[in-house]
Amino acid sequence: MPQIFKENKQAHVPLLAGWNRDEPSALAVNSPEPPTVQSFQELAQKDFGEQALEFLKVYPATTDAEAVRSAIDYSGARFLTLATWEWLEAQVAAGGTAYRYHFERPAPADKYHPAGSGAFHSDEIEYVFGTLDSRPEAVWQPEDKKLSELMQTYWTNFARTGDPNGGEAPKWPQYNAADGWQVMHLDVDSHAAPDDHRDQWLFLQGAWQAGSSRRR
């Protein structure tokens, strides 16, 4: 991808991209066992060596609960989120229009996902297409239906005009430095706010480019 943008061979169209809050939650939390302060600090040392302390500043693990959250976020970066962030960054650097989202609504239990799975990978799909009732045994709340309607509005507007905004939907600012790298947080109270994890992406990008950790 970097070479495509460097050569200006990318599609010159607006971009809407993002990810879910708990992309690899089951993998990060349950394999082989839930992270702890000690195990996550050991992982930091293994993956980043002399940069481990710097890593732990952006992926903190001062409690076991914090270690679990950081493990989910770090696993998500290796799995999907850093690559998506770099795509958005490349789009903006090339002068293109970009909109970034963060889907945060925890999924209800269903036939294939136990309670507590969080906003897992692919969890947003039924919301976007208005097909919540296709998920077996899921019990949806009115808030889920409302969020689905909002997301359908955003995605339809974007497909039609290249801009997700329109009607009474909360304003979704473009993703760029001038506006503070705004992210649309999709949940019961959907709203836009500046990216508060930019230090994570910048650290990982720099560390992996420098070869201090093998990128997975």
C-alpha atoms as a PDB file:
ATOM      1  CA  MET A   1       0.000   0.000   0.000  1.00  0.00           C
ATOM      2  CA  PRO A   2       2.656   2.634   0.816  1.00  0.00           C
ATOM      3  CA  GLN A   3       4.163   2.205  -2.644  1.00  0.00           C
ATOM      4  CA  ILE A   4       0.763   2.626  -4.295  1.00  0.00           C
ATOM      5  CA  PHE A   5       0.242   5.955  -2.551  1.00  0.00           C
ATOM      6  CA  LYS A   6       3.852   6.985  -3.172  1.00  0.00           C
ATOM      7  CA  GLU A   7       3.289   6.475  -6.894  1.00  0.00           C
ATOM      8  CA  ASN A   8      -0.135   8.173  -6.701  1.00  0.00           C
ATOM      9  CA  LYS A   9      -1.823   5.051  -8.070  1.00  0.00           C
ATOM     10  CA  GLN A  10      -4.500   4.814  -5.361  1.00  0.00           C
ATOM     11  CA  ALA A  11      -8.176   5.317  -6.125  1.00  0.00           C
ATOM     12  CA  HIS A  12      -8.828   9.051  -5.891  1.00  0.00           C
ATOM     13  CA  VAL A  13     -12.101   8.753  -4.000  1.00  0.00           C
ATOM     14  CA  PRO A  14     -13.171   9.593  -0.408  1.00  0.00           C
ATOM     15  CA  LEU A  15     -12.407   6.943   2.210  1.00  0.00           C
ATOM     16  CA  LEU A  16     -14.544   5.808   5.154  1.00  0.00           C
ATOM     17  CA  ALA A  17     -12.698   3.348   7.371  1.00  0.00           C
ATOM     18  CA  GLY A  18     -12.293   2.285  10.966  1.00  0.00           C
ATOM     19  CA  TRP A  19     -12.532  -0.641  13.318  1.00  0.00           C
ATOM     20  CA  ASN A  20     -14.284  -2.082  16.365  1.00  0.00           C
ATOM     21  CA  ARG A  21     -13.281  -1.546  19.973  1.00  0.00           C
ATOM     22  CA  ASP A  22     -12.586  -5.229  20.713  1.00  0.00           C
ATOM     23  CA  GLU A  23     -11.400  -6.583  17.354  1.00  0.00           C
ATOM     24  CA  PRO A  24      -9.464  -9.623  18.650  1.00  0.00           C
ATOM     25  CA  SER A  25     -10.958  -9.769  22.151  1.00  0.00           C
ATOM     26  CA  ALA A  26     -11.288 -13.542  22.498  1.00  0.00           C
ATOM     27  CA  LEU A  27      -7.789 -14.175  21.145  1.00  0.00           C
ATOM     28  CA  ALA A  28      -6.179 -11.485  23.295  1.00  0.00           C
ATOM     29  CA  VAL A  29      -7.956 -12.342  26.535  1.00  0.00           C
ATOM     30  CA  ASN A  30      -8.200 -16.121  26.434  1.00  0.00           C
ATOM     31  CA  SER A  31      -5.053 -17.348  24.683  1.00  0.00           C
ATOM     32  CA  PRO A  32      -3.531 -19.111  26.477  1.00  0.00           C
ATOM     33  CA  GLU A  33      -4.954 -17.362  29.566  1.00  0.00           C
ATOM     34  CA  PRO A  34      -6.056 -13.846  30.546  1.00  0.00           C
ATOM     35  CA  PRO A  35      -3.221 -11.303  30.570  1.00  0.00           C
ATOM     36  CA  THR A  36      -1.864 -10.023  33.865  1.00  0.00           C
ATOM     37  CA  VAL A  37       0.422  -7.124  34.724  1.00  0.00           C
ATOM     38  CA  GLN A  38       3.370  -9.524  34.814  1.00  0.00           C
ATOM     39  CA  SER A  39       2.594 -11.402  31.602  1.00  0.00           C
ATOM     40  CA  PHE A  40       1.925  -8.218  29.637  1.00  0.00           C
ATOM     41  CA  GLN A  41       5.134  -6.614  30.870  1.00  0.00           C
ATOM     42  CA  GLU A  42       6.990  -9.759  29.825  1.00  0.00           C
ATOM     43  CA  LEU A  43       5.362  -9.514  26.396  1.00  0.00           C
ATOM     44  CA  ALA A  44       6.474  -5.887  26.146  1.00  0.00           C
ATOM     45  CA  GLN A  45      10.067  -6.897  26.889  1.00  0.00           C
ATOM     46  CA  LYS A  46       9.936  -9.793  24.432  1.00  0.00           C
ATOM     47  CA  ASP A  47       8.502  -7.726  21.576  1.00  0.00           C
ATOM     48  CA  PHE A  48      10.244  -4.393  22.132  1.00  0.00           C
ATOM     49  CA  GLY A  49      13.371  -4.959  24.213  1.00  0.00           C
ATOM     50  CA  GLU A  50      14.920  -1.645  25.191  1.00  0.00           C
ATOM     51  CA  GLN A  51      11.752   0.133  24.036  1.00  0.00           C
ATOM     52  CA  ALA A  52       9.540  -1.870  26.413  1.00  0.00           C
ATOM     53  CA  LEU A  53       9.085   0.990  28.868  1.00  0.00           C
ATOM     54  CA  GLU A  54       8.110   3.331  26.048  1.00  0.00           C
ATOM     55  CA  PHE A  55       5.630   0.720  24.814  1.00  0.00           C
ATOM     56  CA  LEU A  56       4.106   0.425  28.301  1.00  0.00           C
ATOM     57  CA  LYS A  57       3.556   4.180  28.402  1.00  0.00           C
ATOM     58  CA  VAL A  58       1.143   3.950  25.478  1.00  0.00           C
ATOM     59  CA  TYR A  59      -0.153   0.465  26.343  1.00  0.00           C
ATOM     60  CA  PRO A  60      -0.232   0.687  30.160  1.00  0.00           C
ATOM     61  CA  ALA A  61      -0.529  -2.330  32.442  1.00  0.00           C
ATOM     62  CA  THR A  62      -0.510  -1.111  36.033  1.00  0.00           C
ATOM     63  CA  THR A  63      -3.422  -3.413  36.946  1.00  0.00           C
ATOM     64  CA  ASP A  64      -4.614  -6.736  35.530  1.00  0.00           C
ATOM     65  CA  ALA A  65      -7.725  -5.045  34.133  1.00  0.00           C
ATOM     66  CA  GLU A  66      -5.569  -2.448  32.404  1.00  0.00           C
ATOM     67  CA  ALA A  67      -3.333  -5.220  31.064  1.00  0.00           C
ATOM     68  CA  VAL A  68      -6.365  -6.942  29.503  1.00  0.00           C
ATOM     69  CA  ARG A  69      -7.463  -3.711  27.800  1.00  0.00           C
ATOM     70  CA  SER A  70      -3.958  -3.024  26.518  1.00  0.00           C
ATOM     71  CA  ALA A  71      -3.618  -6.621  25.317  1.00  0.00           C
ATOM     72  CA  ILE A  72      -6.826  -6.257  23.290  1.00  0.00           C
ATOM     73  CA  ASP A  73      -5.650  -2.961  21.810  1.00  0.00           C
ATOM     74  CA  TYR A  74      -2.166  -4.243  20.998  1.00  0.00           C
ATOM     75  CA  SER A  75      -3.478  -7.482  19.486  1.00  0.00           C
ATOM     76  CA  GLY A  76      -5.910  -5.412  17.451  1.00  0.00           C
ATOM     77  CA  ALA A  77      -3.044  -3.307  16.122  1.00  0.00           C
ATOM     78  CA  ARG A  78      -1.131  -6.381  14.995  1.00  0.00           C
ATOM     79  CA  PHE A  79      -4.263  -7.923  13.508  1.00  0.00           C
ATOM     80  CA  LEU A  80      -5.933  -5.019  11.747  1.00  0.00           C
ATOM     81  CA  THR A  81      -6.106  -1.591  13.314  1.00  0.00           C
ATOM     82  CA  LEU A  82      -2.594  -0.260  12.657  1.00  0.00           C
ATOM     83  CA  ALA A  83      -2.821  -1.174   8.967  1.00  0.00           C
ATOM     84  CA  THR A  84      -6.203   0.584   8.746  1.00  0.00           C
ATOM     85  CA  TRP A  85      -4.792   3.627  10.547  1.00  0.00           C
ATOM     86  CA  GLU A  86      -1.878   3.747   8.100  1.00  0.00           C
ATOM     87  CA  TRP A  87      -4.326   3.573   5.196  1.00  0.00           C
ATOM     88  CA  LEU A  88      -6.250   6.541   6.579  1.00  0.00           C
ATOM     89  CA  GLU A  89      -3.016   8.441   7.197  1.00  0.00           C
ATOM     90  CA  ALA A  90      -1.819   7.775   3.649  1.00  0.00           C
ATOM     91  CA  GLN A  91      -5.157   8.963   2.282  1.00  0.00           C
ATOM     92  CA  VAL A  92      -4.892  12.243   4.197  1.00  0.00           C
ATOM     93  CA  ALA A  93      -1.207  12.739   3.343  1.00  0.00           C
ATOM     94  CA  ALA A  94      -2.081  12.387  -0.342  1.00  0.00           C
ATOM     95  CA  GLY A  95      -4.654  15.156  -0.031  1.00  0.00           C
ATOM     96  CA  GLY A  96      -7.668  12.841  -0.021  1.00  0.00           C
ATOM     97  CA  THR A  97     -10.837  12.981   2.046  1.00  0.00           C
ATOM     98  CA  ALA A  98     -11.171  10.499   4.913  1.00  0.00           C
ATOM     99  CA  TYR A  99     -13.706   9.682   7.626  1.00  0.00           C
ATOM    100  CA  ARG A 100     -12.740   7.408  10.513  1.00  0.00           C
ATOM    101  CA  TYR A 101     -15.036   5.487  12.881  1.00  0.00           C
ATOM    102  CA  HIS A 102     -14.700   3.455  16.079  1.00  0.00           C
ATOM    103  CA  PHE A 103     -17.560   1.008  16.688  1.00  0.00           C
ATOM    104  CA  GLU A 104     -18.070   0.532  20.433  1.00  0.00           C
ATOM    105  CA  ARG A 105     -21.495  -1.039  21.043  1.00  0.00           C
ATOM    106  CA  PRO A 106     -21.022  -4.362  22.927  1.00  0.00           C
ATOM    107  CA  ALA A 107     -22.780  -7.222  21.198  1.00  0.00           C
ATOM    108  CA  PRO A 108     -25.579  -9.132  22.934  1.00  0.00           C
ATOM    109  CA  ALA A 109     -25.041 -12.837  23.435  1.00  0.00           C
ATOM    110  CA  ASP A 110     -26.096 -15.002  20.506  1.00  0.00           C
ATOM    111  CA  LYS A 111     -25.754 -18.550  19.256  1.00  0.00           C
ATOM    112  CA  TYR A 112     -22.102 -18.070  18.304  1.00  0.00           C
ATOM    113  CA  HIS A 113     -20.900 -15.379  20.738  1.00  0.00           C
ATOM    114  CA  PRO A 114     -21.175 -15.569  24.551  1.00  0.00           C
ATOM    115  CA  ALA A 115     -22.067 -12.564  26.676  1.00  0.00           C
ATOM    116  CA  GLY A 116     -19.075 -10.333  27.271  1.00  0.00           C
ATOM    117  CA  SER A 117     -17.597 -10.702  23.779  1.00  0.00           C
ATOM    118  CA  GLY A 118     -17.523  -6.915  23.440  1.00  0.00           C
ATOM    119  CA  ALA A 119     -17.581  -5.115  20.099  1.00  0.00           C
ATOM    120  CA  PHE A 120     -15.772  -7.933  18.319  1.00  0.00           C
ATOM    121  CA  HIS A 121     -14.449  -8.165  14.751  1.00  0.00           C
ATOM    122  CA  SER A 122     -17.315  -7.992  12.201  1.00  0.00           C
ATOM    123  CA  ASP A 123     -19.815  -7.012  14.919  1.00  0.00           C
ATOM    124  CA  GLU A 124     -20.795  -3.844  13.040  1.00  0.00           C
ATOM    125  CA  ILE A 125     -21.890  -5.562   9.817  1.00  0.00           C
ATOM    126  CA  GLU A 126     -25.510  -6.242  10.767  1.00  0.00           C
ATOM    127  CA  TYR A 127     -25.830  -2.650  11.995  1.00  0.00           C
ATOM    128  CA  VAL A 128     -24.588  -1.240   8.675  1.00  0.00           C
ATOM    129  CA  PHE A 129     -26.920  -3.374   6.559  1.00  0.00           C
ATOM    130  CA  GLY A 130     -29.940  -3.254   8.859  1.00  0.00           C
ATOM    131  CA  THR A 131     -29.973  -7.021   9.390  1.00  0.00           C
ATOM    132  CA  LEU A 132     -29.790  -7.299  13.181  1.00  0.00           C
ATOM    133  CA  ASP A 133     -32.530  -9.936  13.236  1.00  0.00           C
ATOM    134  CA  SER A 134     -30.382 -12.280  11.154  1.00  0.00           C
ATOM    135  CA  ARG A 135     -28.111 -13.021  14.128  1.00  0.00           C
ATOM    136  CA  PRO A 136     -29.418 -16.221  15.771  1.00  0.00           C
ATOM    137  CA  GLU A 137     -30.711 -15.910  19.329  1.00  0.00           C
ATOM    138  CA  ALA A 138     -29.536 -12.313  19.811  1.00  0.00           C
ATOM    139  CA  VAL A 139     -31.855 -10.140  21.904  1.00  0.00           C
ATOM    140  CA  TRP A 140     -31.622  -6.583  20.624  1.00  0.00           C
ATOM    141  CA  GLN A 141     -32.487  -3.411  22.509  1.00  0.00           C
ATOM    142  CA  PRO A 142     -34.126  -0.260  21.101  1.00  0.00           C
ATOM    143  CA  GLU A 143     -30.701   1.374  21.314  1.00  0.00           C
ATOM    144  CA  ASP A 144     -29.337  -1.201  18.876  1.00  0.00           C
ATOM    145  CA  LYS A 145     -32.070  -0.480  16.346  1.00  0.00           C
ATOM    146  CA  LYS A 146     -31.444   3.264  16.667  1.00  0.00           C
ATOM    147  CA  LEU A 147     -27.698   2.821  16.169  1.00  0.00           C
ATOM    148  CA  SER A 148     -28.311   0.604  13.142  1.00  0.00           C
ATOM    149  CA  GLU A 149     -30.525   3.265  11.590  1.00  0.00           C
ATOM    150  CA  LEU A 150     -27.864   5.907  12.184  1.00  0.00           C
ATOM    151  CA  MET A 151     -25.125   3.781  10.637  1.00  0.00           C
ATOM    152  CA  GLN A 152     -27.279   2.984   7.631  1.00  0.00           C
ATOM    153  CA  THR A 153     -27.775   6.729   7.178  1.00  0.00           C
ATOM    154  CA  TYR A 154     -24.056   7.424   7.363  1.00  0.00           C
ATOM    155  CA  TRP A 155     -23.036   4.611   5.012  1.00  0.00           C
ATOM    156  CA  THR A 156     -25.793   5.366   2.508  1.00  0.00           C
ATOM    157  CA  ASN A 157     -24.932   9.065   2.438  1.00  0.00           C
ATOM    158  CA  PHE A 158     -21.284   8.219   1.947  1.00  0.00           C
ATOM    159  CA  ALA A 159     -22.014   5.773  -0.873  1.00  0.00           C
ATOM    160  CA  ARG A 160     -24.180   8.375  -2.573  1.00  0.00           C
ATOM    161  CA  THR A 161     -22.079  11.531  -2.117  1.00  0.00           C
ATOM    162  CA  GLY A 162     -18.710  10.663  -0.588  1.00  0.00           C
ATOM    163  CA  ASP A 163     -19.804  12.383   2.648  1.00  0.00           C
ATOM    164  CA  PRO A 164     -21.584  10.512   5.505  1.00  0.00           C
ATOM    165  CA  ASN A 165     -23.251  13.662   6.789  1.00  0.00           C
ATOM    166  CA  GLY A 166     -26.846  14.598   6.143  1.00  0.00           C
ATOM    167  CA  GLY A 167     -30.192  15.008   7.811  1.00  0.00           C
ATOM    168  CA  GLU A 168     -30.267  14.989  11.618  1.00  0.00           C
ATOM    169  CA  ALA A 169     -27.339  12.600  12.065  1.00  0.00           C
ATOM    170  CA  PRO A 170     -24.602  13.862  14.426  1.00  0.00           C
ATOM    171  CA  LYS A 171     -21.915  15.752  12.538  1.00  0.00           C
ATOM    172  CA  TRP A 172     -19.071  13.483  11.374  1.00  0.00           C
ATOM    173  CA  PRO A 173     -15.979  15.652  10.774  1.00  0.00           C
ATOM    174  CA  GLN A 174     -13.308  14.714   8.278  1.00  0.00           C
ATOM    175  CA  TYR A 175     -10.261  12.905   9.608  1.00  0.00           C
ATOM    176  CA  ASN A 176      -7.339  15.318   9.355  1.00  0.00           C
ATOM    177  CA  ALA A 177      -4.819  17.240  11.430  1.00  0.00           C
ATOM    178  CA  ALA A 178      -6.663  20.542  11.109  1.00  0.00           C
ATOM    179  CA  ASP A 179      -9.659  19.142  13.008  1.00  0.00           C
ATOM    180  CA  GLY A 180      -7.616  17.196  15.568  1.00  0.00           C
ATOM    181  CA  TRP A 181      -7.900  13.786  13.853  1.00  0.00           C
ATOM    182  CA  GLN A 182     -11.604  13.427  14.610  1.00  0.00           C
ATOM    183  CA  VAL A 183     -13.072   9.947  15.082  1.00  0.00           C
ATOM    184  CA  MET A 184     -16.790   9.111  15.025  1.00  0.00           C
ATOM    185  CA  HIS A 185     -17.540   6.955  18.079  1.00  0.00           C
ATOM    186  CA  LEU A 186     -20.493   4.723  17.211  1.00  0.00           C
ATOM    187  CA  ASP A 187     -22.488   3.662  20.265  1.00  0.00           C
ATOM    188  CA  VAL A 188     -25.693   4.581  22.104  1.00  0.00           C
ATOM    189  CA  ASP A 189     -24.418   8.176  22.265  1.00  0.00           C
ATOM    190  CA  SER A 190     -22.656   8.487  18.921  1.00  0.00           C
ATOM    191  CA  HIS A 191     -20.337  11.472  18.724  1.00  0.00           C
ATOM    192  CA  ALA A 192     -17.116  12.697  17.182  1.00  0.00           C
ATOM    193  CA  ALA A 193     -13.986  13.398  19.226  1.00  0.00           C
ATOM    194  CA  PRO A 194     -10.239  13.781  18.587  1.00  0.00           C
ATOM    195  CA  ASP A 195      -8.202  10.572  18.449  1.00  0.00           C
ATOM    196  CA  ASP A 196      -6.925   9.901  21.973  1.00  0.00           C
ATOM    197  CA  HIS A 197      -4.711   6.939  21.014  1.00  0.00           C
ATOM    198  CA  ARG A 198      -2.568   8.525  18.337  1.00  0.00           C
ATOM    199  CA  ASP A 199       0.526   7.952  20.474  1.00  0.00           C
ATOM    200  CA  GLN A 200      -0.035   4.185  20.156  1.00  0.00           C
ATOM    201  CA  TRP A 201      -0.067   4.211  16.369  1.00  0.00           C
ATOM    202  CA  LEU A 202       2.943   6.499  16.108  1.00  0.00           C
ATOM    203  CA  PHE A 203       4.936   4.362  18.533  1.00  0.00           C
ATOM    204  CA  LEU A 204       4.160   1.076  16.780  1.00  0.00           C
ATOM    205  CA  GLN A 205       4.773   2.511  13.332  1.00  0.00           C
ATOM    206  CA  GLY A 206       8.151   3.873  14.386  1.00  0.00           C
ATOM    207  CA  ALA A 207       9.173   0.755  16.300  1.00  0.00           C
ATOM    208  CA  TRP A 208       8.250  -1.656  13.525  1.00  0.00           C
ATOM    209  CA  GLN A 209       9.804   0.478  10.811  1.00  0.00           C
ATOM    210  CA  ALA A 210      12.995   0.535  12.872  1.00  0.00           C
ATOM    211  CA  GLY A 211      12.888  -3.255  13.095  1.00  0.00           C
ATOM    212  CA  SER A 212      12.806  -3.454  16.893  1.00  0.00           C
ATOM    213  CA  SER A 213       9.905  -5.911  16.777  1.00  0.00           C
ATOM    214  CA  ARG A 214       8.749  -8.346  14.117  1.00  0.00           C
ATOM    215  CA  ARG A 215       5.487  -7.086  12.706  1.00  0.00           C
ATOM    216  CA  ARG A 216       2.771  -9.751  12.650  1.00  0.00           C
END
